């Protein structure tokens, strides 16, 4: 829908961790109700906060719909099941390879392995810009630009750029000092890296993936979400896999070169006639006067 007024665009404040605490947004006159709800929903859905049906009931209409390029859901119950299924992946543990080998041969695992289980995945959300719109029929919309971060095997990583990280207080552990723990849901690392054992050398992790997402939320008069739609670019999605990104890079350039070569192979006389025909059609249909036709340089008048 066409907005009735120019959109209001603001950048989210990194210190607000609505999704983790699950508490109502602060009373800030600079942040509208729609802005605060959109920010909280993005942290709830794409973050690591506990997600319950009561939370979704607070934001979503019973007949709300959710869409992305892959799936479409038309009820709040289905939306809840989909989001809960994605949240299950955050808590999956896999056995450490060394611990598995030691258990198979009946040997005690080394002390440095600590926990024999290894967390498979961490996912967190970095919210960028939130824009608000209001249509002519009074429906309010919010468009959120954010980045979904996926980090596989976070327990094997360190943060080599903690100054760029975001740390949120953990109400369950007020005196917690492990803010740089890569598996902590209250810590968003700045640069996840892998360290070469026995050396001080580290390199950016190949298991850290970023997917830019644009979320559009439509609200009714009661302030509940009636439509939730996520957009992402196919190029960004393919870039999550090194193989697919290479194929996409080669394929897109090959297609562009083939289209250019096809045009260059066209007969010049045929191409010029086509240009003149387009000029005449445009001139006659629109009714503009004084247009120059192709390469002839002649001004034509209707």
Protein backbone atom coordinates (compact mmCIF):
# COMPACT_ATOMS: atom_id res chain seq x y z
CA UNK A 1 0.00 0.00 0.00
CA UNK A 2 1.04 3.58 -0.64
CA UNK A 3 1.82 5.41 2.59
CA UNK A 4 -0.15 8.54 3.25
CA UNK A 5 2.85 10.33 4.66
CA UNK A 6 6.60 10.08 4.49
CA UNK A 7 7.94 7.17 6.53
CA UNK A 8 9.64 7.73 9.84
CA UNK A 9 12.95 5.90 9.95
CA UNK A 10 14.94 5.37 13.11
CA UNK A 11 17.84 3.18 14.09
CA UNK A 12 17.32 0.79 16.96
CA UNK A 13 19.23 1.28 20.18
CA UNK A 14 21.66 -1.62 20.71
CA UNK A 15 21.24 -1.49 24.46
CA UNK A 16 17.62 -2.65 24.33
CA UNK A 17 17.35 -6.40 24.63
CA UNK A 18 13.60 -6.76 24.57
CA UNK A 19 13.74 -10.29 23.29
CA UNK A 20 15.83 -11.70 26.12
CA UNK A 21 14.15 -10.07 29.08
CA UNK A 22 10.63 -10.49 27.69
CA UNK A 23 9.55 -7.32 29.53
CA UNK A 24 7.54 -4.45 28.03
CA UNK A 25 9.62 -1.86 26.18
CA UNK A 26 10.72 1.17 28.17
CA UNK A 27 8.59 4.30 28.24
CA UNK A 28 10.57 6.38 25.78
CA UNK A 29 8.76 9.23 24.08
CA UNK A 30 11.19 9.04 21.16
CA UNK A 31 10.09 5.51 20.38
CA UNK A 32 6.52 4.97 19.22
CA UNK A 33 4.41 1.99 20.23
CA UNK A 34 4.71 0.45 16.75
CA UNK A 35 8.48 0.95 16.75
CA UNK A 36 8.84 -0.71 20.16
CA UNK A 37 6.63 -3.65 19.21
CA UNK A 38 8.47 -4.24 15.95
CA UNK A 39 11.81 -4.18 17.74
CA UNK A 40 10.64 -6.55 20.46
CA UNK A 41 9.09 -8.99 17.96
CA UNK A 42 12.34 -9.19 15.97
CA UNK A 43 14.36 -9.96 19.09
CA UNK A 44 11.79 -12.50 20.27
CA UNK A 45 11.41 -14.36 16.99
CA UNK A 46 14.99 -14.34 15.75
CA UNK A 47 16.87 -14.18 19.04
CA UNK A 48 17.45 -16.69 21.80
CA UNK A 49 14.81 -15.62 24.30
CA UNK A 50 12.29 -18.19 25.58
CA UNK A 51 9.32 -18.24 23.21
CA UNK A 52 5.89 -19.22 24.51
CA UNK A 53 2.37 -19.13 23.13
CA UNK A 54 1.49 -16.39 25.63
CA UNK A 55 4.17 -14.17 24.11
CA UNK A 56 2.79 -14.63 20.60
CA UNK A 57 -0.77 -14.07 21.86
CA UNK A 58 0.35 -10.68 23.11
CA UNK A 59 1.56 -9.54 19.69
CA UNK A 60 -0.26 -11.54 17.01
CA UNK A 61 -3.91 -11.59 15.99
CA UNK A 62 -5.51 -15.04 16.04
CA UNK A 63 -5.91 -14.98 12.24
CA UNK A 64 -2.45 -13.52 11.60
CA UNK A 65 -0.44 -14.75 8.64
CA UNK A 66 3.28 -15.30 8.22
CA UNK A 67 5.11 -15.57 4.90
CA UNK A 68 8.63 -15.84 3.63
CA UNK A 69 9.98 -16.98 0.24
CA UNK A 70 9.70 -20.63 1.36
CA UNK A 71 6.63 -21.04 3.60
CA UNK A 72 3.22 -19.53 4.29
CA UNK A 73 1.22 -19.85 7.54
CA UNK A 74 -2.32 -18.55 8.05
CA UNK A 75 -2.94 -18.95 11.79
CA UNK A 76 -1.27 -17.95 15.03
CA UNK A 77 -0.99 -21.59 16.12
CA UNK A 78 0.92 -22.54 12.97
CA UNK A 79 3.17 -19.50 13.35
CA UNK A 80 3.97 -20.53 16.92
CA UNK A 81 4.84 -24.10 15.87
CA UNK A 82 7.14 -22.87 13.10
CA UNK A 83 9.04 -20.48 15.34
CA UNK A 84 9.30 -23.05 18.15
CA UNK A 85 10.72 -25.60 15.72
CA UNK A 86 13.42 -23.15 14.69
CA UNK A 87 14.12 -22.40 18.35
CA UNK A 88 14.72 -26.11 19.05
CA UNK A 89 17.83 -25.99 16.87
CA UNK A 90 19.41 -23.52 19.30
CA UNK A 91 19.54 -26.10 22.08
CA UNK A 92 20.87 -29.09 20.16
CA UNK A 93 24.06 -30.59 21.57
CA UNK A 94 26.41 -32.90 19.72
CA UNK A 95 29.17 -34.99 21.34
CA UNK A 96 32.71 -33.70 21.05
CA UNK A 97 34.77 -35.86 18.66
CA UNK A 98 37.52 -36.49 21.23
CA UNK A 99 34.99 -37.39 23.91
CA UNK A 100 33.26 -39.76 21.50
CA UNK A 101 36.52 -41.51 20.58
CA UNK A 102 37.51 -41.83 24.24
CA UNK A 103 34.16 -43.36 25.14
CA UNK A 104 34.42 -45.87 22.30
CA UNK A 105 37.84 -47.10 23.40
CA UNK A 106 36.96 -46.93 27.11
CA UNK A 107 39.37 -44.11 28.02
CA UNK A 108 38.63 -41.16 30.28
CA UNK A 109 38.28 -37.94 28.22
CA UNK A 110 40.93 -35.26 28.84
CA UNK A 111 40.16 -32.67 31.49
CA UNK A 112 40.40 -29.80 29.01
CA UNK A 113 37.37 -31.07 27.13
CA UNK A 114 35.23 -30.02 30.12
CA UNK A 115 31.74 -30.71 28.83
CA UNK A 116 31.61 -33.76 26.53
CA UNK A 117 28.72 -32.16 24.65
CA UNK A 118 29.13 -29.33 22.16
CA UNK A 119 26.44 -26.77 21.32
CA UNK A 120 25.58 -27.07 17.64
CA UNK A 121 24.18 -23.65 16.82
CA UNK A 122 23.79 -20.12 18.09
CA UNK A 123 21.51 -17.63 16.36
CA UNK A 124 21.12 -13.97 17.21
CA UNK A 125 19.67 -10.93 15.55
CA UNK A 126 21.20 -7.51 14.88
CA UNK A 127 18.47 -4.95 14.22
CA UNK A 128 19.36 -2.01 12.00
CA UNK A 129 16.73 0.45 10.78
CA UNK A 130 13.01 0.51 11.57
CA UNK A 131 10.67 2.51 9.31
CA UNK A 132 7.02 3.23 10.08
CA UNK A 133 4.26 3.80 7.53
CA UNK A 134 0.57 4.54 7.71
CA UNK A 135 -1.67 3.73 4.74
CA UNK A 136 -4.71 5.72 3.61
CA UNK A 137 -7.05 3.28 5.34
CA UNK A 138 -5.30 3.84 8.67
CA UNK A 139 -3.37 0.57 8.77
CA UNK A 140 0.04 0.94 10.36
CA UNK A 141 3.09 -0.90 9.09
CA UNK A 142 6.66 -1.28 10.25
CA UNK A 143 9.56 -2.33 8.06
CA UNK A 144 12.62 -3.66 9.88
CA UNK A 145 16.04 -4.17 8.32
CA UNK A 146 18.02 -6.66 10.38
CA UNK A 147 20.69 -9.34 10.06
CA UNK A 148 20.26 -12.92 11.22
CA UNK A 149 23.54 -14.38 12.51
CA UNK A 150 24.14 -18.14 12.54
CA UNK A 151 27.21 -19.50 14.31
CA UNK A 152 27.82 -23.24 14.24
CA UNK A 153 29.81 -24.85 17.06
CA UNK A 154 30.08 -21.62 19.11
CA UNK A 155 32.00 -23.39 21.88
CA UNK A 156 35.01 -23.70 19.57
CA UNK A 157 35.18 -19.96 18.88
CA UNK A 158 36.62 -16.87 20.51
CA UNK A 159 35.76 -13.24 19.94
CA UNK A 160 38.73 -11.37 18.50
CA UNK A 161 36.85 -8.06 18.40
CA UNK A 162 35.00 -7.73 21.72
CA UNK A 163 34.83 -3.94 21.37
CA UNK A 164 32.33 -4.42 18.52
CA UNK A 165 30.26 -6.89 20.50
CA UNK A 166 26.98 -6.27 22.33
CA UNK A 167 26.51 -7.52 25.88
CA UNK A 168 23.13 -7.70 27.60
CA UNK A 169 22.67 -8.22 31.35
CA UNK A 170 21.49 -11.68 32.36
CA UNK A 171 18.74 -11.43 35.00
CA UNK A 172 19.21 -15.09 35.88
CA UNK A 173 22.86 -14.53 36.78
CA UNK A 174 23.27 -10.92 37.99
CA UNK A 175 26.91 -11.41 38.93
CA UNK A 176 27.82 -13.36 35.82
CA UNK A 177 31.32 -12.64 34.62
CA UNK A 178 31.34 -14.78 31.48
CA UNK A 179 30.22 -12.00 29.16
CA UNK A 180 32.70 -13.22 26.58
CA UNK A 181 31.34 -16.75 26.62
CA UNK A 182 30.47 -17.56 23.03
CA UNK A 183 27.57 -19.80 24.04
CA UNK A 184 25.99 -17.18 26.30
CA UNK A 185 22.65 -15.91 24.92
CA UNK A 186 23.36 -12.48 26.41
CA UNK A 187 26.53 -11.95 24.38
CA UNK A 188 26.55 -11.07 20.69
CA UNK A 189 30.17 -11.45 19.50
CA UNK A 190 31.78 -8.85 17.28
CA UNK A 191 34.08 -11.19 15.33
CA UNK A 192 33.75 -14.96 15.95
CA UNK A 193 37.10 -16.55 15.17
CA UNK A 194 38.87 -19.89 15.39
CA UNK A 195 42.25 -20.21 17.09
CA UNK A 196 44.97 -22.50 15.78
CA UNK A 197 45.84 -24.85 18.69
CA UNK A 198 49.21 -24.14 20.25
CA UNK A 199 49.56 -20.75 18.60
CA UNK A 200 48.17 -17.29 19.09
CA UNK A 201 46.99 -17.12 15.51
CA UNK A 202 43.28 -16.78 14.82
CA UNK A 203 41.25 -16.36 11.67
CA UNK A 204 37.61 -15.40 10.95
CA UNK A 205 35.30 -18.34 11.36
CA UNK A 206 33.98 -20.01 8.20
CA UNK A 207 31.03 -21.24 10.30
CA UNK A 208 29.62 -17.75 10.93
CA UNK A 209 26.89 -16.89 8.43
CA UNK A 210 24.94 -13.65 8.06
CA UNK A 211 21.60 -13.34 6.28
CA UNK A 212 20.20 -9.82 5.71
CA UNK A 213 16.42 -9.88 6.22
CA UNK A 214 13.70 -7.29 5.67
CA UNK A 215 10.62 -7.83 7.84
CA UNK A 216 7.29 -6.14 7.17
CA UNK A 217 4.75 -6.08 9.99
CA UNK A 218 1.14 -4.90 9.55
CA UNK A 219 -0.85 -3.85 12.62
CA UNK A 220 -4.58 -3.49 13.19
CA UNK A 221 -6.30 -0.80 15.26
CA UNK A 222 -5.67 -2.78 18.46
CA UNK A 223 -1.93 -2.81 17.77
CA UNK A 224 -1.77 -6.55 17.02
CA UNK A 225 0.10 -8.00 14.07
CA UNK A 226 -2.14 -9.17 11.24
CA UNK A 227 0.58 -9.93 8.70
CA UNK A 228 4.24 -10.80 9.18
CA UNK A 229 6.32 -11.18 6.05
CA UNK A 230 10.06 -11.75 5.69
CA UNK A 231 12.04 -10.95 2.57
CA UNK A 232 15.55 -12.00 1.72
CA UNK A 233 17.57 -11.88 -1.44
CA UNK A 234 18.30 -15.14 -3.21
CA UNK A 235 21.87 -13.98 -3.73
CA UNK A 236 22.29 -13.46 0.03
CA UNK A 237 20.77 -16.87 0.72
CA UNK A 238 23.11 -18.60 -1.71
CA UNK A 239 26.09 -16.77 -0.22
CA UNK A 240 25.63 -18.81 2.97
CA UNK A 241 27.20 -21.72 1.10
CA UNK A 242 30.67 -21.15 -0.41
CA UNK A 243 29.91 -23.55 -3.25
CA UNK A 244 26.57 -21.99 -4.15
CA UNK A 245 27.96 -18.47 -3.89
CA UNK A 246 30.73 -19.37 -6.35
CA UNK A 247 28.23 -20.94 -8.74
CA UNK A 248 25.99 -17.87 -8.47
CA UNK A 249 28.94 -15.52 -9.08
CA UNK A 250 30.02 -17.39 -12.20
CA UNK A 251 26.47 -17.91 -13.47
CA UNK A 252 25.39 -14.28 -13.12
CA UNK A 253 28.42 -12.99 -14.98
CA UNK A 254 28.12 -15.62 -17.70
CA UNK A 255 24.47 -14.68 -18.23
CA UNK A 256 25.28 -10.97 -18.45
CA UNK A 257 28.04 -11.60 -21.00
CA UNK A 258 25.80 -13.88 -23.06
CA UNK A 259 23.05 -11.24 -23.22
CA UNK A 260 25.57 -8.60 -24.28
CA UNK A 261 27.02 -10.93 -26.92
CA UNK A 262 23.55 -11.76 -28.23
CA UNK A 263 22.80 -8.09 -28.80
CA UNK A 264 26.16 -7.51 -30.51
CA UNK A 265 25.50 -10.42 -32.89
CA UNK A 266 22.20 -8.93 -34.06
CA UNK A 267 22.32 -7.40 -37.57
CA UNK A 268 22.99 -3.68 -37.30
CA UNK A 269 20.28 -2.77 -39.81
CA UNK A 270 17.70 -4.82 -37.90
CA UNK A 271 18.69 -3.25 -34.60
CA UNK A 272 18.39 0.30 -36.03
CA UNK A 273 14.94 -0.45 -37.48
CA UNK A 274 13.89 -1.73 -34.09
CA UNK A 275 15.07 1.48 -32.43
CA UNK A 276 13.17 3.64 -34.94
CA UNK A 277 10.03 1.57 -34.42
CA UNK A 278 10.20 2.05 -30.69
CA UNK A 279 10.64 5.79 -31.15
CA UNK A 280 7.58 6.05 -33.40
CA UNK A 281 5.42 3.98 -31.06
CA UNK A 282 6.42 6.08 -28.08
CA UNK A 283 5.84 9.29 -30.00
CA UNK A 284 2.40 8.30 -31.22
CA UNK A 285 1.10 6.73 -28.02
CA UNK A 286 2.20 9.44 -25.63
CA UNK A 287 1.67 12.33 -28.00
CA UNK A 288 4.95 14.08 -27.33
CA UNK A 289 6.28 16.39 -30.02
CA UNK A 290 9.75 17.19 -31.19
CA UNK A 291 11.31 13.79 -30.44
CA UNK A 292 14.41 12.78 -32.36
CA UNK A 293 14.12 9.39 -34.05
CA UNK A 294 17.04 7.02 -33.49
CA UNK A 295 20.28 7.94 -35.23
CA UNK A 296 18.64 9.84 -38.06
CA UNK A 297 18.68 13.07 -36.08
CA UNK A 298 15.33 14.16 -37.58
CA UNK A 299 12.78 15.82 -35.30
CA UNK A 300 9.26 14.49 -35.82
CA UNK A 301 6.04 16.30 -34.91
CA UNK A 302 2.63 14.72 -34.36
